[in-house]
Amino acid sequence: MGMPPELTVRQRIAATVRRRRRGSGFWFGLAIALIWPFVLWGTRLGWRGGEHLPRTGGALLVGNHVSGSDPIFDIAFGTTHGRMPRFMAKSELWQVPVVKWVLGRGGHIPVYRASKRVGESFAGAIDALNRGELVAVYPEGTYTADPDGWPMKPKNGVARIALRSGAPVIPMANWGTQDFLPAEGKPRFRPRRRIGIAIGPPVDLSEFAGKPLTRTTLDAATTKIMDEVTALLEGLRDETRPATPYDPDATAGPEAPGDPVERAAS
């Protein structure tokens, strides 16, 4: 299938004129306005599957994570299709000047890692979904450490949020953002980078309905969600995924603490 066609000039103009601005808050809205020209006009951006994004109501947008710039391009996709994503992000960002205003006023959800407050992260996400928000989650917890850029073994907190809320889970794949903004580096504007976003239909989690939220159930539901995300990424890359996802905890040794959202979900 490969990467989606690059947006035409007409499509970029239409996206700029029609993108959603309501509900962003002043600081988040200002941040979007400032980076918008670089995102829409400074890259060779393309996307497909916009018809799968619900236009109203709570939904969980679940994607792979290959770059710190993923949220920027996912915001461009969401706002162009009438939705303002609310991201789950590490709580430490709420301590950074300016950033805390952007995130706080934008309605984003802090994730309290290595903290007794981790339950607040679940509650915040579920409350946002119940209010009809689009909540964006990267279950890997950080951008992938897989040498070839495939999704790592995910944390199962995403399944707890999905199954407790009952909100539709929309899979999403990002590719090319790692070339625009490498994990350790600065944005690369020349040559213009090819970036693709693909969205799929809601993941069918009906087989888990009514089951106790045990680790077994949560792991199985998370695996099903990430299988759909990875399938979309295979389509973008025209490649086949590894047989087993990269496991960062296995490489870190037996003392690796894991993710507190995952531990709380166990």
C-alpha atoms as a PDB file:
ATOM      1  CA  MET A   1       0.000   0.000   0.000  1.00  0.00           C
ATOM      2  CA  GLY A   2       2.775   2.417   0.900  1.00  0.00           C
ATOM      3  CA  MET A   3       2.640   6.007   2.058  1.00  0.00           C
ATOM      4  CA  PRO A   4      -0.514   8.028   1.356  1.00  0.00           C
ATOM      5  CA  PRO A   5      -0.327  10.671  -1.375  1.00  0.00           C
ATOM      6  CA  GLU A   6       1.167  13.967  -0.316  1.00  0.00           C
ATOM      7  CA  LEU A   7      -1.449  16.618   0.426  1.00  0.00           C
ATOM      8  CA  THR A   8      -2.004  18.930  -2.512  1.00  0.00           C
ATOM      9  CA  VAL A   9      -1.722  22.695  -2.215  1.00  0.00           C
ATOM     10  CA  ARG A  10      -5.522  22.905  -2.283  1.00  0.00           C
ATOM     11  CA  GLN A  11      -5.801  20.345   0.503  1.00  0.00           C
ATOM     12  CA  ARG A  12      -3.241  22.194   2.614  1.00  0.00           C
ATOM     13  CA  ILE A  13      -5.119  25.469   2.188  1.00  0.00           C
ATOM     14  CA  ALA A  14      -8.396  23.758   3.044  1.00  0.00           C
ATOM     15  CA  ALA A  15      -6.832  22.165   6.135  1.00  0.00           C
ATOM     16  CA  THR A  16      -5.512  25.547   7.260  1.00  0.00           C
ATOM     17  CA  VAL A  17      -8.860  27.289   6.791  1.00  0.00           C
ATOM     18  CA  ARG A  18     -11.101  24.554   8.196  1.00  0.00           C
ATOM     19  CA  ARG A  19      -9.024  23.169  11.041  1.00  0.00           C
ATOM     20  CA  ARG A  20     -10.764  23.123  14.384  1.00  0.00           C
ATOM     21  CA  ARG A  21      -9.783  25.905  16.765  1.00  0.00           C
ATOM     22  CA  ARG A  22     -12.526  25.697  19.388  1.00  0.00           C
ATOM     23  CA  GLY A  23     -11.632  24.000  22.646  1.00  0.00           C
ATOM     24  CA  SER A  24      -7.876  24.437  22.383  1.00  0.00           C
ATOM     25  CA  GLY A  25      -7.411  27.047  25.097  1.00  0.00           C
ATOM     26  CA  PHE A  26      -5.335  30.159  24.458  1.00  0.00           C
ATOM     27  CA  TRP A  27      -1.835  28.720  24.975  1.00  0.00           C
ATOM     28  CA  PHE A  28      -2.441  25.417  23.209  1.00  0.00           C
ATOM     29  CA  GLY A  29      -4.163  27.245  20.366  1.00  0.00           C
ATOM     30  CA  LEU A  30      -1.249  29.664  20.077  1.00  0.00           C
ATOM     31  CA  ALA A  31       1.233  26.770  19.981  1.00  0.00           C
ATOM     32  CA  ILE A  32      -0.730  25.099  17.176  1.00  0.00           C
ATOM     33  CA  ALA A  33      -0.904  28.351  15.210  1.00  0.00           C
ATOM     34  CA  LEU A  34       2.857  28.887  15.509  1.00  0.00           C
ATOM     35  CA  ILE A  35       3.880  25.403  14.356  1.00  0.00           C
ATOM     36  CA  TRP A  36       1.135  24.992  11.741  1.00  0.00           C
ATOM     37  CA  PRO A  37       3.133  26.453   8.788  1.00  0.00           C
ATOM     38  CA  PHE A  38       6.079  24.147   9.516  1.00  0.00           C
ATOM     39  CA  VAL A  39       3.828  21.072   9.735  1.00  0.00           C
ATOM     40  CA  LEU A  40       1.599  21.677   6.713  1.00  0.00           C
ATOM     41  CA  TRP A  41       4.034  23.481   4.440  1.00  0.00           C
ATOM     42  CA  GLY A  42       7.464  22.405   5.678  1.00  0.00           C
ATOM     43  CA  THR A  43       6.944  18.660   5.157  1.00  0.00           C
ATOM     44  CA  ARG A  44       5.569  16.306   2.512  1.00  0.00           C
ATOM     45  CA  LEU A  45       2.660  15.268   4.720  1.00  0.00           C
ATOM     46  CA  GLY A  46      -0.047  12.831   3.687  1.00  0.00           C
ATOM     47  CA  TRP A  47      -2.740  10.840   5.472  1.00  0.00           C
ATOM     48  CA  ARG A  48      -5.529   8.369   4.905  1.00  0.00           C
ATOM     49  CA  GLY A  49      -8.407   6.884   6.867  1.00  0.00           C
ATOM     50  CA  GLY A  50      -9.941  10.132   8.092  1.00  0.00           C
ATOM     51  CA  GLU A  51     -13.399   8.622   7.642  1.00  0.00           C
ATOM     52  CA  HIS A  52     -12.683   6.331  10.616  1.00  0.00           C
ATOM     53  CA  LEU A  53     -12.253   9.187  13.090  1.00  0.00           C
ATOM     54  CA  PRO A  54     -15.565   9.808  14.920  1.00  0.00           C
ATOM     55  CA  ARG A  55     -16.672  13.406  14.462  1.00  0.00           C
ATOM     56  CA  THR A  56     -18.386  13.518  17.876  1.00  0.00           C
ATOM     57  CA  GLY A  57     -18.276  11.614  21.145  1.00  0.00           C
ATOM     58  CA  GLY A  58     -15.502  10.174  23.233  1.00  0.00           C
ATOM     59  CA  ALA A  59     -12.893   8.057  21.453  1.00  0.00           C
ATOM     60  CA  LEU A  60      -9.450   6.689  22.239  1.00  0.00           C
ATOM     61  CA  LEU A  61      -6.875   7.374  19.524  1.00  0.00           C
ATOM     62  CA  VAL A  62      -4.040   4.846  19.915  1.00  0.00           C
ATOM     63  CA  GLY A  63      -0.812   5.133  17.948  1.00  0.00           C
ATOM     64  CA  ASN A  64       2.787   4.047  17.637  1.00  0.00           C
ATOM     65  CA  HIS A  65       5.503   6.434  18.744  1.00  0.00           C
ATOM     66  CA  VAL A  66       8.646   6.989  16.651  1.00  0.00           C
ATOM     67  CA  SER A  67       9.400  10.659  17.344  1.00  0.00           C
ATOM     68  CA  GLY A  68       8.788  13.488  19.752  1.00  0.00           C
ATOM     69  CA  SER A  69       7.047  15.210  16.843  1.00  0.00           C
ATOM     70  CA  ASP A  70       4.283  12.580  16.566  1.00  0.00           C
ATOM     71  CA  PRO A  71       1.801  14.646  18.627  1.00  0.00           C
ATOM     72  CA  ILE A  72       2.368  17.655  16.371  1.00  0.00           C
ATOM     73  CA  PHE A  73       1.351  15.775  13.241  1.00  0.00           C
ATOM     74  CA  ASP A  74      -1.439  13.903  15.007  1.00  0.00           C
ATOM     75  CA  ILE A  75      -2.862  17.252  16.133  1.00  0.00           C
ATOM     76  CA  ALA A  76      -2.750  18.416  12.511  1.00  0.00           C
ATOM     77  CA  PHE A  77      -4.661  15.310  11.456  1.00  0.00           C
ATOM     78  CA  GLY A  78      -7.205  15.587  14.279  1.00  0.00           C
ATOM     79  CA  THR A  79      -7.953  19.300  13.950  1.00  0.00           C
ATOM     80  CA  THR A  80      -8.233  19.035  10.168  1.00  0.00           C
ATOM     81  CA  HIS A  81     -10.891  16.349  10.698  1.00  0.00           C
ATOM     82  CA  GLY A  82     -12.793  18.367  13.283  1.00  0.00           C
ATOM     83  CA  ARG A  83     -11.356  16.934  16.505  1.00  0.00           C
ATOM     84  CA  MET A  84      -9.037  18.444  19.121  1.00  0.00           C
ATOM     85  CA  PRO A  85      -6.928  15.612  20.597  1.00  0.00           C
ATOM     86  CA  ARG A  86      -6.183  15.544  24.318  1.00  0.00           C
ATOM     87  CA  PHE A  87      -2.888  13.767  24.970  1.00  0.00           C
ATOM     88  CA  MET A  88      -1.784  11.671  27.910  1.00  0.00           C
ATOM     89  CA  ALA A  89       1.708  12.932  28.768  1.00  0.00           C
ATOM     90  CA  LYS A  90       4.178  12.497  31.612  1.00  0.00           C
ATOM     91  CA  SER A  91       3.334  14.700  34.595  1.00  0.00           C
ATOM     92  CA  GLU A  92       6.860  16.153  34.718  1.00  0.00           C
ATOM     93  CA  LEU A  93       5.951  18.337  31.733  1.00  0.00           C
ATOM     94  CA  TRP A  94       3.497  20.202  33.966  1.00  0.00           C
ATOM     95  CA  GLN A  95       6.534  21.520  35.881  1.00  0.00           C
ATOM     96  CA  VAL A  96       8.109  23.148  32.802  1.00  0.00           C
ATOM     97  CA  PRO A  97       7.398  26.885  32.328  1.00  0.00           C
ATOM     98  CA  VAL A  98       5.206  27.694  29.318  1.00  0.00           C
ATOM     99  CA  VAL A  99       4.814  23.978  28.526  1.00  0.00           C
ATOM    100  CA  LYS A 100       2.626  23.569  31.612  1.00  0.00           C
ATOM    101  CA  TRP A 101       0.336  26.347  30.372  1.00  0.00           C
ATOM    102  CA  VAL A 102       0.086  24.820  26.916  1.00  0.00           C
ATOM    103  CA  LEU A 103      -0.760  21.383  28.326  1.00  0.00           C
ATOM    104  CA  GLY A 104      -2.928  22.501  31.227  1.00  0.00           C
ATOM    105  CA  ARG A 105      -5.053  24.976  29.295  1.00  0.00           C
ATOM    106  CA  GLY A 106      -5.273  22.527  26.395  1.00  0.00           C
ATOM    107  CA  GLY A 107      -7.040  19.938  28.526  1.00  0.00           C
ATOM    108  CA  HIS A 108      -4.292  17.327  28.324  1.00  0.00           C
ATOM    109  CA  ILE A 109      -3.955  14.561  30.894  1.00  0.00           C
ATOM    110  CA  PRO A 110      -0.905  14.128  33.141  1.00  0.00           C
ATOM    111  CA  VAL A 111       0.438  10.608  33.637  1.00  0.00           C
ATOM    112  CA  TYR A 112       1.932  10.218  37.117  1.00  0.00           C
ATOM    113  CA  ARG A 113       4.739   7.732  36.703  1.00  0.00           C
ATOM    114  CA  ALA A 114       6.367   6.082  39.749  1.00  0.00           C
ATOM    115  CA  SER A 115       3.713   7.716  41.927  1.00  0.00           C
ATOM    116  CA  LYS A 116       0.774   6.723  44.117  1.00  0.00           C
ATOM    117  CA  ARG A 117      -1.234   9.194  42.024  1.00  0.00           C
ATOM    118  CA  VAL A 118      -1.140   6.940  38.974  1.00  0.00           C
ATOM    119  CA  GLY A 119      -4.853   6.199  39.416  1.00  0.00           C
ATOM    120  CA  GLU A 120      -5.568   9.853  38.653  1.00  0.00           C
ATOM    121  CA  SER A 121      -4.238   9.276  35.142  1.00  0.00           C
ATOM    122  CA  PHE A 122      -6.910   6.621  34.498  1.00  0.00           C
ATOM    123  CA  ALA A 123      -9.608   8.784  36.047  1.00  0.00           C
ATOM    124  CA  GLY A 124      -8.540  11.821  34.013  1.00  0.00           C
ATOM    125  CA  ALA A 125      -8.607   9.889  30.744  1.00  0.00           C
ATOM    126  CA  ILE A 126     -11.971   8.262  31.458  1.00  0.00           C
ATOM    127  CA  ASP A 127     -13.502  11.588  32.543  1.00  0.00           C
ATOM    128  CA  ALA A 128     -12.303  13.176  29.291  1.00  0.00           C
ATOM    129  CA  LEU A 129     -13.800  10.325  27.256  1.00  0.00           C
ATOM    130  CA  ASN A 130     -17.082  10.639  29.128  1.00  0.00           C
ATOM    131  CA  ARG A 131     -17.117  14.349  28.240  1.00  0.00           C
ATOM    132  CA  GLY A 132     -16.884  13.387  24.582  1.00  0.00           C
ATOM    133  CA  GLU A 133     -13.192  14.180  24.088  1.00  0.00           C
ATOM    134  CA  LEU A 134     -10.730  12.514  21.725  1.00  0.00           C
ATOM    135  CA  VAL A 135      -7.958  11.145  23.963  1.00  0.00           C
ATOM    136  CA  ALA A 136      -4.664  10.241  22.289  1.00  0.00           C
ATOM    137  CA  VAL A 137      -2.424   7.545  23.784  1.00  0.00           C
ATOM    138  CA  TYR A 138       0.946   6.052  22.837  1.00  0.00           C
ATOM    139  CA  PRO A 139       0.943   2.724  24.744  1.00  0.00           C
ATOM    140  CA  GLU A 140       4.699   2.252  24.342  1.00  0.00           C
ATOM    141  CA  GLY A 141       5.147   5.048  26.886  1.00  0.00           C
ATOM    142  CA  THR A 142       7.945   6.698  24.904  1.00  0.00           C
ATOM    143  CA  TYR A 143       9.195   6.576  21.343  1.00  0.00           C
ATOM    144  CA  THR A 144      10.293   3.150  20.287  1.00  0.00           C
ATOM    145  CA  ALA A 145      13.729   1.741  21.036  1.00  0.00           C
ATOM    146  CA  ASP A 146      13.295  -0.955  18.392  1.00  0.00           C
ATOM    147  CA  PRO A 147      16.303  -0.603  16.036  1.00  0.00           C
ATOM    148  CA  ASP A 148      14.057  -0.729  12.978  1.00  0.00           C
ATOM    149  CA  GLY A 149      11.348   1.558  14.330  1.00  0.00           C
ATOM    150  CA  TRP A 150       8.637  -1.050  14.928  1.00  0.00           C
ATOM    151  CA  PRO A 151       6.382  -0.697  18.000  1.00  0.00           C
ATOM    152  CA  MET A 152       7.774  -2.025  21.247  1.00  0.00           C
ATOM    153  CA  LYS A 153       5.882  -4.226  23.671  1.00  0.00           C
ATOM    154  CA  PRO A 154       3.107  -1.889  24.880  1.00  0.00           C
ATOM    155  CA  LYS A 155       1.997  -1.057  28.400  1.00  0.00           C
ATOM    156  CA  ASN A 156      -1.442  -2.460  29.176  1.00  0.00           C
ATOM    157  CA  GLY A 157      -2.914   0.647  30.821  1.00  0.00           C
ATOM    158  CA  VAL A 158      -4.481   1.575  27.478  1.00  0.00           C
ATOM    159  CA  ALA A 159      -6.686  -1.521  27.668  1.00  0.00           C
ATOM    160  CA  ARG A 160      -7.921  -0.607  31.143  1.00  0.00           C
ATOM    161  CA  ILE A 161      -8.965   2.827  29.894  1.00  0.00           C
ATOM    162  CA  ALA A 162     -10.625   1.341  26.809  1.00  0.00           C
ATOM    163  CA  LEU A 163     -12.514  -1.425  28.617  1.00  0.00           C
ATOM    164  CA  ARG A 164     -13.592   0.694  31.581  1.00  0.00           C
ATOM    165  CA  SER A 165     -14.790   3.567  29.426  1.00  0.00           C
ATOM    166  CA  GLY A 166     -16.335   1.559  26.611  1.00  0.00           C
ATOM    167  CA  ALA A 167     -15.147   4.258  24.192  1.00  0.00           C
ATOM    168  CA  PRO A 168     -14.268   3.232  20.635  1.00  0.00           C
ATOM    169  CA  VAL A 169     -10.560   2.585  20.101  1.00  0.00           C
ATOM    170  CA  ILE A 170      -9.220   4.061  16.857  1.00  0.00           C
ATOM    171  CA  PRO A 171      -5.820   2.691  15.723  1.00  0.00           C
ATOM    172  CA  MET A 172      -3.315   5.073  14.166  1.00  0.00           C
ATOM    173  CA  ALA A 173       0.158   4.726  12.661  1.00  0.00           C
ATOM    174  CA  ASN A 174       2.842   7.388  12.180  1.00  0.00           C
ATOM    175  CA  TRP A 175       5.841   7.040   9.889  1.00  0.00           C
ATOM    176  CA  GLY A 176       8.455   9.510   8.676  1.00  0.00           C
ATOM    177  CA  THR A 177       8.224  11.731  11.745  1.00  0.00           C
ATOM    178  CA  GLN A 178      11.463  10.126  12.976  1.00  0.00           C
ATOM    179  CA  ASP A 179      13.203  11.614   9.930  1.00  0.00           C
ATOM    180  CA  PHE A 180      11.732  15.055  10.589  1.00  0.00           C
ATOM    181  CA  LEU A 181      12.678  15.012  14.281  1.00  0.00           C
ATOM    182  CA  PRO A 182      15.107  12.224  15.274  1.00  0.00           C
ATOM    183  CA  ALA A 183      15.092  10.990  18.870  1.00  0.00           C
ATOM    184  CA  GLU A 184      18.345  12.814  19.530  1.00  0.00           C
ATOM    185  CA  GLY A 185      18.506  15.829  17.274  1.00  0.00           C
ATOM    186  CA  LYS A 186      16.888  18.931  15.823  1.00  0.00           C
ATOM    187  CA  PRO A 187      14.093  19.231  13.243  1.00  0.00           C
ATOM    188  CA  ARG A 188      15.205  18.639   9.649  1.00  0.00           C
ATOM    189  CA  PHE A 189      13.456  20.950   7.211  1.00  0.00           C
ATOM    190  CA  ARG A 190      15.604  20.295   4.128  1.00  0.00           C
ATOM    191  CA  PRO A 191      14.945  18.288   2.176  1.00  0.00           C
ATOM    192  CA  ARG A 192      11.243  18.294   3.055  1.00  0.00           C
ATOM    193  CA  ARG A 193      10.519  15.028   4.849  1.00  0.00           C
ATOM    194  CA  ARG A 194       7.896  12.522   3.727  1.00  0.00           C
ATOM    195  CA  ILE A 195       5.462  11.864   6.574  1.00  0.00           C
ATOM    196  CA  GLY A 196       2.465   9.547   6.585  1.00  0.00           C
ATOM    197  CA  ILE A 197      -0.421   9.004   9.001  1.00  0.00           C
ATOM    198  CA  ALA A 198      -2.896   6.144   8.649  1.00  0.00           C
ATOM    199  CA  ILE A 199      -6.106   5.625  10.645  1.00  0.00           C
ATOM    200  CA  GLY A 200      -8.078   2.390  10.784  1.00  0.00           C
ATOM    201  CA  PRO A 201     -11.606   1.376  11.826  1.00  0.00           C
ATOM    202  CA  PRO A 202     -12.401   0.872  15.530  1.00  0.00           C
ATOM    203  CA  VAL A 203     -10.790  -2.152  17.137  1.00  0.00           C
ATOM    204  CA  ASP A 204     -13.346  -4.854  18.005  1.00  0.00           C
ATOM    205  CA  LEU A 205     -12.912  -5.506  21.729  1.00  0.00           C
ATOM    206  CA  SER A 206     -16.287  -7.194  22.224  1.00  0.00           C
ATOM    207  CA  GLU A 207     -14.632 -10.481  23.243  1.00  0.00           C
ATOM    208  CA  PHE A 208     -13.401  -8.765  26.429  1.00  0.00           C
ATOM    209  CA  ALA A 209     -16.750  -7.222  27.425  1.00  0.00           C
ATOM    210  CA  GLY A 210     -17.785  -8.134  30.965  1.00  0.00           C
ATOM    211  CA  LYS A 211     -14.542  -9.921  31.790  1.00  0.00           C
ATOM    212  CA  PRO A 212     -12.634  -9.075  34.990  1.00  0.00           C
ATOM    213  CA  LEU A 213      -9.816  -6.647  34.274  1.00  0.00           C
ATOM    214  CA  THR A 214      -7.051  -9.084  35.128  1.00  0.00           C
ATOM    215  CA  ARG A 215      -3.528  -8.834  33.733  1.00  0.00           C
ATOM    216  CA  THR A 216      -4.376 -11.630  31.298  1.00  0.00           C
ATOM    217  CA  THR A 217      -7.411  -9.769  29.948  1.00  0.00           C
ATOM    218  CA  LEU A 218      -5.625  -6.428  29.775  1.00  0.00           C
ATOM    219  CA  ASP A 219      -2.568  -7.892  28.069  1.00  0.00           C
ATOM    220  CA  ALA A 220      -4.725  -9.669  25.487  1.00  0.00           C
ATOM    221  CA  ALA A 221      -6.788  -6.540  24.752  1.00  0.00           C
ATOM    222  CA  THR A 222      -3.649  -4.411  24.498  1.00  0.00           C
ATOM    223  CA  THR A 223      -2.069  -6.900  22.112  1.00  0.00           C
ATOM    224  CA  LYS A 224      -5.155  -6.792  19.892  1.00  0.00           C
ATOM    225  CA  ILE A 225      -5.113  -2.984  19.837  1.00  0.00           C
ATOM    226  CA  MET A 226      -1.413  -2.783  18.999  1.00  0.00           C
ATOM    227  CA  ASP A 227      -1.764  -5.488  16.347  1.00  0.00           C
ATOM    228  CA  GLU A 228      -4.135  -3.144  14.495  1.00  0.00           C
ATOM    229  CA  VAL A 229      -1.741  -0.213  14.929  1.00  0.00           C
ATOM    230  CA  THR A 230       1.175  -2.286  13.645  1.00  0.00           C
ATOM    231  CA  ALA A 231      -0.849  -3.522  10.672  1.00  0.00           C
ATOM    232  CA  LEU A 232      -1.401   0.095   9.652  1.00  0.00           C
ATOM    233  CA  LEU A 233       2.320   0.740  10.023  1.00  0.00           C
ATOM    234  CA  GLU A 234       3.077  -2.278   7.820  1.00  0.00           C
ATOM    235  CA  GLY A 235       0.897  -0.657   5.186  1.00  0.00           C
ATOM    236  CA  LEU A 236       2.739   2.663   5.428  1.00  0.00           C
ATOM    237  CA  ARG A 237       6.137   0.990   5.255  1.00  0.00           C
ATOM    238  CA  ASP A 238       5.270  -1.792   2.813  1.00  0.00           C
ATOM    239  CA  GLU A 239       7.170  -4.104   5.134  1.00  0.00           C
ATOM    240  CA  THR A 240       6.409  -6.961   7.533  1.00  0.00           C
ATOM    241  CA  ARG A 241       6.719  -6.538  11.277  1.00  0.00           C
ATOM    242  CA  PRO A 242       9.073  -8.656  13.412  1.00  0.00           C
ATOM    243  CA  ALA A 243       7.637 -11.886  14.803  1.00  0.00           C
ATOM    244  CA  THR A 244       7.958 -10.564  18.373  1.00  0.00           C
ATOM    245  CA  PRO A 245       7.803  -6.923  19.493  1.00  0.00           C
ATOM    246  CA  TYR A 246      10.947  -5.460  21.008  1.00  0.00           C
ATOM    247  CA  ASP A 247      10.752  -5.652  24.829  1.00  0.00           C
ATOM    248  CA  PRO A 248      12.674  -2.811  26.535  1.00  0.00           C
ATOM    249  CA  ASP A 249      12.135  -4.341  29.986  1.00  0.00           C
ATOM    250  CA  ALA A 250      13.845  -7.560  28.909  1.00  0.00           C
ATOM    251  CA  THR A 251      16.929  -5.648  27.780  1.00  0.00           C
ATOM    252  CA  ALA A 252      16.937  -3.543  30.958  1.00  0.00           C
ATOM    253  CA  GLY A 253      17.286  -6.595  33.215  1.00  0.00           C
ATOM    254  CA  PRO A 254      15.224  -8.055  36.070  1.00  0.00           C
ATOM    255  CA  GLU A 255      15.211  -4.850  38.147  1.00  0.00           C
ATOM    256  CA  ALA A 256      13.451  -2.786  35.466  1.00  0.00           C
ATOM    257  CA  PRO A 257      10.441  -1.200  37.220  1.00  0.00           C
ATOM    258  CA  GLY A 258       8.204  -1.016  34.176  1.00  0.00           C
ATOM    259  CA  ASP A 259       5.502   1.574  33.737  1.00  0.00           C
ATOM    260  CA  PRO A 260       3.350   2.551  36.756  1.00  0.00           C
ATOM    261  CA  VAL A 261       0.238   2.758  34.577  1.00  0.00           C
ATOM    262  CA  GLU A 262       0.816  -0.858  33.649  1.00  0.00           C
ATOM    263  CA  ARG A 263       1.476  -1.840  37.263  1.00  0.00           C
ATOM    264  CA  ALA A 264      -1.705  -0.139  38.422  1.00  0.00           C
ATOM    265  CA  ALA A 265      -3.628  -2.018  35.762  1.00  0.00           C
ATOM    266  CA  SER A 266      -2.373  -5.384  36.969  1.00  0.00           C
END
